[in-house]
Protein backbone atom coordinates (compact mmCIF):
# COMPACT_ATOMS: atom_id res chain seq x y z
CA MET A 1 -6.35 -25.76 -22.25
CA ALA A 2 -3.81 -22.74 -21.73
CA ASP A 3 -6.78 -19.69 -21.93
CA VAL A 4 -8.69 -20.90 -18.65
CA LEU A 5 -8.10 -21.88 -15.58
CA GLU A 6 -8.73 -25.64 -14.02
CA PRO A 7 -11.53 -25.43 -11.45
CA GLY A 8 -9.30 -25.23 -8.29
CA GLN A 9 -6.67 -22.54 -9.97
CA LEU A 10 -10.47 -20.88 -10.37
CA ASN A 11 -11.69 -21.80 -7.19
CA THR A 12 -8.33 -20.56 -5.26
CA TYR A 13 -8.34 -16.76 -7.17
CA PHE A 14 -11.76 -16.21 -6.44
CA SER A 15 -11.42 -17.19 -1.99
CA LEU A 16 -8.41 -15.22 -2.65
CA MET A 17 -10.22 -11.87 -4.16
CA GLU A 18 -13.33 -12.29 -1.87
CA ALA A 19 -11.37 -12.12 0.85
CA VAL A 20 -9.28 -9.49 0.62
CA SER A 21 -11.66 -7.83 -1.01
CA LEU A 22 -13.83 -8.54 2.57
CA LEU A 23 -10.83 -7.16 4.64
CA GLN A 24 -10.34 -4.47 2.36
CA HIS A 25 -13.89 -3.50 3.43
CA ALA A 26 -13.52 -4.00 7.14
CA VAL A 27 -10.03 -1.91 7.29
CA THR A 28 -11.10 0.48 5.56
CA GLN A 29 -14.43 1.52 7.94
CA GLN A 30 -12.21 1.00 10.68
CA LEU A 31 -9.97 3.23 9.20
CA ARG A 32 -12.28 6.38 8.36
CA ALA A 33 -14.14 5.64 11.36
CA GLU A 34 -11.18 6.33 13.47
CA GLY A 35 -9.43 8.89 11.73
CA ASP A 36 -11.36 9.82 8.18
CA LEU A 37 -8.33 8.25 6.71
CA SER A 38 -9.00 6.29 3.22
CA TYR A 39 -6.53 2.42 3.47
CA VAL A 40 -4.32 4.36 1.06
CA GLN A 41 -3.66 7.32 3.42
CA PHE A 42 -3.20 5.08 5.84
CA GLU A 43 -0.51 3.22 4.15
CA LEU A 44 1.56 5.98 3.47
CA LEU A 45 1.18 7.79 7.22
CA ALA A 46 2.07 4.16 8.05
CA ARG A 47 5.15 3.52 6.03
CA LEU A 48 6.24 6.88 6.46
CA SER A 49 6.43 6.70 10.37
CA HIS A 50 7.80 3.61 10.53
CA SER A 51 10.70 4.63 7.64
CA ASP A 52 14.38 5.89 8.69
CA GLY A 53 13.24 9.70 7.09
CA PRO A 54 11.51 11.18 4.29
CA LEU A 55 10.31 9.15 1.30
CA THR A 56 10.58 9.67 -2.31
CA MET A 57 6.77 10.19 -4.00
CA THR A 58 8.86 6.95 -6.37
CA GLU A 59 9.32 5.31 -3.29
CA LEU A 60 6.32 5.59 -2.21
CA ALA A 61 4.30 4.79 -5.59
CA ASP A 62 6.31 1.79 -5.63
CA GLY A 63 5.46 0.60 -1.72
CA VAL A 64 1.90 1.06 -1.90
CA VAL A 65 1.73 0.11 -5.32
CA TYR A 66 -0.29 3.09 -6.39
CA SER A 67 -0.17 5.48 -9.31
CA ARG A 68 2.62 8.75 -9.21
CA SER A 69 -0.53 10.92 -9.67
CA GLY A 70 -2.46 9.07 -7.57
CA LEU A 71 -0.17 9.23 -4.82
CA THR A 72 0.72 13.26 -5.54
CA HIS A 73 -2.92 13.74 -5.02
CA GLN A 74 -3.49 11.64 -1.58
CA ALA A 75 -0.16 13.72 0.09
CA GLY A 76 -1.89 16.88 -1.44
CA LEU A 77 -4.39 15.68 0.81
CA LEU A 78 -2.02 14.48 3.84
CA GLU A 79 -0.09 17.69 3.57
CA LYS A 80 -3.55 20.15 3.06
CA ALA A 81 -4.19 18.79 6.78
CA GLY A 82 -0.60 18.94 7.86
CA LEU A 83 -0.36 15.17 8.32
CA VAL A 84 2.89 15.43 6.40
CA THR A 85 5.30 17.95 4.56
CA ARG A 86 6.53 17.60 0.92
CA GLY A 87 9.44 19.56 -0.25
CA PRO A 88 12.77 19.03 -2.99
CA SER A 89 15.23 16.09 -2.15
CA ALA A 90 18.69 17.41 -1.03
CA GLU A 91 20.21 14.29 -3.09
CA ASP A 92 18.11 14.30 -6.58
CA GLN A 93 16.44 17.88 -7.32
CA ARG A 94 14.29 16.33 -9.92
CA ALA A 95 12.49 14.06 -6.93
CA THR A 96 9.96 15.44 -4.39
CA VAL A 97 10.92 13.74 -0.61
CA VAL A 98 7.45 13.32 1.50
CA ALA A 99 8.00 13.38 5.62
CA VAL A 100 5.65 12.38 8.49
CA THR A 101 4.37 15.99 10.57
CA GLU A 102 3.70 14.94 13.85
CA ALA A 103 0.07 15.25 13.52
CA GLY A 104 0.50 12.53 11.13
CA ARG A 105 2.05 10.12 13.97
CA GLU A 106 -0.77 10.82 16.39
CA LEU A 107 -2.88 9.98 13.79
CA VAL A 108 -1.41 6.20 12.47
CA ALA A 109 -0.98 5.78 16.15
CA LYS A 110 -4.85 6.61 17.23
CA VAL A 111 -6.07 4.42 14.64
CA LEU A 112 -3.76 1.92 14.68
CA PRO A 113 -5.26 -0.13 17.90
CA GLY A 114 -8.32 -0.32 15.36
CA HIS A 115 -7.00 -1.29 12.35
CA VAL A 116 -4.84 -4.34 14.36
CA GLU A 117 -8.12 -5.45 15.72
CA VAL A 118 -9.73 -5.55 12.52
CA VAL A 119 -6.85 -7.54 10.86
CA ARG A 120 -6.37 -10.19 13.98
CA ARG A 121 -10.63 -10.87 14.26
CA LEU A 122 -10.90 -11.00 10.58
CA LEU A 123 -7.41 -12.39 9.11
CA VAL A 124 -5.67 -14.36 12.13
CA ALA A 125 -8.47 -15.32 14.33
CA PRO A 126 -9.47 -18.18 11.99
CA LEU A 127 -6.12 -19.52 11.11
CA SER A 128 -3.55 -21.78 13.32
CA THR A 129 -0.06 -20.33 13.78
CA SER A 130 0.48 -23.09 11.15
CA ASP A 131 -1.60 -21.93 9.31
CA LEU A 132 -0.46 -18.15 9.31
CA ASP A 133 3.37 -19.86 8.63
CA ALA A 134 1.67 -20.89 6.02
CA LEU A 135 0.04 -18.00 4.48
CA GLY A 136 2.63 -15.88 5.39
CA GLY A 137 4.49 -18.07 3.55
CA ILE A 138 2.63 -18.27 0.27
CA MET A 139 2.09 -14.40 -0.05
CA ALA A 140 5.63 -13.32 0.94
CA ARG A 141 6.96 -16.62 -2.19
CA VAL A 142 3.34 -15.02 -4.45
CA ARG A 143 4.58 -11.01 -3.69
CA ASP A 144 7.98 -11.41 -4.78
CA HIS A 145 7.13 -13.50 -7.67
CA MET A 146 4.71 -10.15 -8.20
CA ARG A 147 7.82 -7.79 -7.91
CA ALA A 148 9.99 -9.21 -9.83
CA GLU A 149 7.97 -7.09 -12.57
CA PRO A 150 9.62 -3.79 -13.05
CA PRO A 151 7.72 -1.61 -10.84
CA ARG A 152 5.34 0.21 -12.26
CA SER A 153 7.21 3.75 -12.02
CA VAL A 154 9.67 2.52 -13.41
CA ALA A 155 7.17 0.79 -16.85
CA THR A 156 5.61 4.52 -17.10
CA ARG A 157 8.46 5.87 -17.00
CA ARG A 158 10.24 3.91 -19.82
CA SER A 159 6.29 4.03 -21.82
CA SER A 160 6.25 8.11 -21.71
CA ALA A 161 9.97 7.74 -23.12
CA ARG A 162 9.40 5.82 -26.07
CA ASN A 163 6.17 7.66 -26.78
CA GLU A 164 8.01 11.49 -26.89
CA HIS A 165 10.55 9.23 -29.39
CA LEU A 166 7.42 8.65 -31.70
C-alpha cells in the first residue's frame, strides 16, 4: 500500500525523529545555560565564525534551513547583542550580508566545549567507529537527497513571483 510506511520504515522514522529531538533538546539546554543562545543563534554564529567572510542572509537561511523572516529576526537579536553586524552587499545591492563580531566569536568559543561534550556523550559515545562511519555516510546521502530539492528561499521567491502575476 503506497499511503502507509512498512513497520521497519515506520520504526526507523520514529527512532530517527526521537533521537534528533532528544539531542536537540540537550544541545538547546546547554546553549541556553552557557551562552543564553538558541540553537539557531548558535548555528548562525558558528557558520559565520567558520566562513571565509560575511554571508548573505539567503546563504545563511539556506545553510541553516530556516525561513528568511525568522532569520531576519534572529540576526536582529544577534546584532542588538553586538554579536553580528549587518549591511548591504558590495556585489548585490539587494542583498544583506552578515558578519560575526569579535564578541560573537568569543561567545562561540565559550559555548563550544560544552556543545561538543553533549554531542560526544549523546551521539558519539554509544557508537563504534564503524557505526559512526556508516551513520555519517547514510545521513550524508539522505541530506544530499533532500538538498537536491530547490532551497526553501528559492521556492518562496518562486511562489511569491507567481502570486504577483495572478
